[in-house]
Amino acid sequence: MAGASTGPSGKRKDLPGKDVVGRLSDLSEDAIHRFSGAPGADRLLGALNVTRERLDELQRRLRGVDELEKRVAVLERKVDKLSKAGAATAPRRAAKTKTKPTTKSVS
């Protein structure tokens, strides 16, 4: 970062002991505070919040789809097993026997 000075150990003086994620978090919070004062920022932040909510809902639905895909895979395996078992037993059907129709005499 421009203008950042380092000490004798090579560490930054302005943010000692902070990791990269912490520094990024602090910088992003500062940027959001400065941005919130800009004209029209409230509408943009509102749209971003709606987008976040929609993404959360989409993520929940996709988790549900994953569960359904697992259930479908299990059912497909069961159908395959049953169809293989049904194909093996199909030729064992009893042969149809033809019977002669009986005629009754009407008196």
Protein backbone atom coordinates (compact mmCIF):
# COMPACT_ATOMS: atom_id res chain seq x y z
CA MET A 1 0.00 0.00 0.00
CA ALA A 2 1.36 3.37 -0.95
CA GLY A 3 2.75 5.45 1.86
CA ALA A 4 2.89 2.61 4.36
CA SER A 5 6.12 2.50 6.30
CA THR A 6 7.72 -0.60 7.69
CA GLY A 7 9.68 -1.03 10.88
CA PRO A 8 13.04 -2.77 11.37
CA SER A 9 11.37 -6.18 11.46
CA GLY A 10 9.70 -5.57 8.08
CA LYS A 11 6.21 -5.32 9.56
CA ARG A 12 3.89 -2.44 8.82
CA LYS A 13 3.77 0.25 11.48
CA ASP A 14 0.25 1.48 10.70
CA LEU A 15 -1.48 -1.89 11.26
CA PRO A 16 0.69 -3.97 13.57
CA GLY A 17 -0.37 -7.54 14.24
CA LYS A 18 -3.36 -7.50 11.89
CA ASP A 19 -3.73 -10.15 9.28
CA VAL A 20 -4.66 -9.50 5.67
CA VAL A 21 -8.34 -10.34 6.15
CA GLY A 22 -8.63 -7.96 9.09
CA ARG A 23 -7.01 -5.15 7.14
CA LEU A 24 -9.30 -5.75 4.16
CA SER A 25 -12.30 -5.76 6.47
CA ASP A 26 -11.29 -2.43 7.99
CA LEU A 27 -10.66 -0.87 4.60
CA SER A 28 -13.99 -2.08 3.21
CA GLU A 29 -15.86 -0.69 6.23
CA ASP A 30 -14.18 2.68 5.70
CA ALA A 31 -15.12 2.64 2.03
CA ILE A 32 -18.75 1.81 2.81
CA HIS A 33 -18.95 4.67 5.33
CA ARG A 34 -17.53 7.13 2.79
CA PHE A 35 -19.79 5.77 0.07
CA SER A 36 -22.95 6.03 2.17
CA GLY A 37 -22.66 9.83 2.12
CA ALA A 38 -22.80 9.94 -1.68
CA PRO A 39 -26.07 10.94 -3.41
CA GLY A 40 -28.15 7.92 -4.46
CA ALA A 41 -26.14 5.57 -2.28
CA ASP A 42 -29.19 4.57 -0.24
CA ARG A 43 -30.93 3.26 -3.37
CA LEU A 44 -27.83 1.33 -4.40
CA LEU A 45 -27.38 -0.16 -0.94
CA GLY A 46 -31.07 -1.14 -0.90
CA ALA A 47 -30.66 -2.90 -4.25
CA LEU A 48 -27.57 -4.69 -2.96
CA ASN A 49 -29.48 -5.89 0.11
CA VAL A 50 -32.33 -7.20 -2.06
CA THR A 51 -29.78 -8.99 -4.24
CA ARG A 52 -28.20 -10.55 -1.16
CA GLU A 53 -31.59 -11.78 0.05
CA ARG A 54 -32.37 -13.26 -3.36
CA LEU A 55 -29.01 -15.02 -3.49
CA ASP A 56 -29.63 -16.48 -0.04
CA GLU A 57 -33.03 -17.80 -1.17
CA LEU A 58 -31.50 -19.23 -4.33
CA GLN A 59 -28.82 -20.97 -2.28
CA ARG A 60 -31.47 -22.56 -0.04
CA ARG A 61 -33.39 -23.78 -3.07
CA LEU A 62 -30.27 -25.24 -4.65
CA ARG A 63 -29.57 -27.18 -1.47
CA GLY A 64 -33.08 -28.61 -1.81
CA VAL A 65 -32.36 -29.58 -5.42
CA ASP A 66 -29.22 -31.44 -4.31
CA GLU A 67 -31.30 -33.48 -1.87
CA LEU A 68 -33.84 -34.26 -4.59
CA GLU A 69 -31.08 -35.38 -6.95
CA LYS A 70 -29.80 -37.78 -4.31
CA ARG A 71 -33.29 -39.21 -3.79
CA VAL A 72 -33.80 -39.60 -7.55
CA ALA A 73 -30.48 -41.45 -7.86
CA VAL A 74 -31.53 -43.89 -5.12
CA LEU A 75 -34.90 -44.45 -6.78
CA GLU A 76 -33.26 -45.00 -10.19
CA ARG A 77 -31.04 -47.70 -8.70
CA LYS A 78 -34.09 -49.38 -7.16
CA VAL A 79 -35.94 -49.28 -10.49
CA ASP A 80 -32.92 -50.78 -12.25
CA LYS A 81 -32.79 -53.63 -9.74
CA LEU A 82 -36.51 -54.26 -10.03
CA SER A 83 -36.45 -54.18 -13.81
CA LYS A 84 -33.56 -56.67 -13.89
CA ALA A 85 -35.38 -58.92 -11.45
CA GLY A 86 -38.61 -58.58 -13.45
CA ALA A 87 -36.84 -59.49 -16.70
CA ALA A 88 -35.45 -62.66 -15.12
CA THR A 89 -38.86 -63.80 -13.89
CA ALA A 90 -40.86 -62.82 -16.98
CA PRO A 91 -40.23 -66.05 -19.00
CA ARG A 92 -41.55 -68.15 -16.11
CA ARG A 93 -45.15 -67.22 -16.78
CA ALA A 94 -47.50 -70.13 -17.16
CA ALA A 95 -48.52 -70.90 -20.70
CA LYS A 96 -52.11 -70.19 -21.57
CA THR A 97 -54.23 -73.26 -22.13
CA LYS A 98 -56.93 -73.24 -24.70
CA THR A 99 -60.22 -74.76 -23.71
CA LYS A 100 -62.96 -75.79 -26.06
CA PRO A 101 -66.21 -73.97 -25.55
CA THR A 102 -68.94 -76.25 -24.39
CA THR A 103 -72.27 -76.21 -26.12
CA LYS A 104 -75.40 -76.85 -24.21
CA SER A 105 -78.44 -78.21 -25.91
CA VAL A 106 -81.53 -76.16 -25.51
CA SER A 107 -84.70 -78.20 -25.02
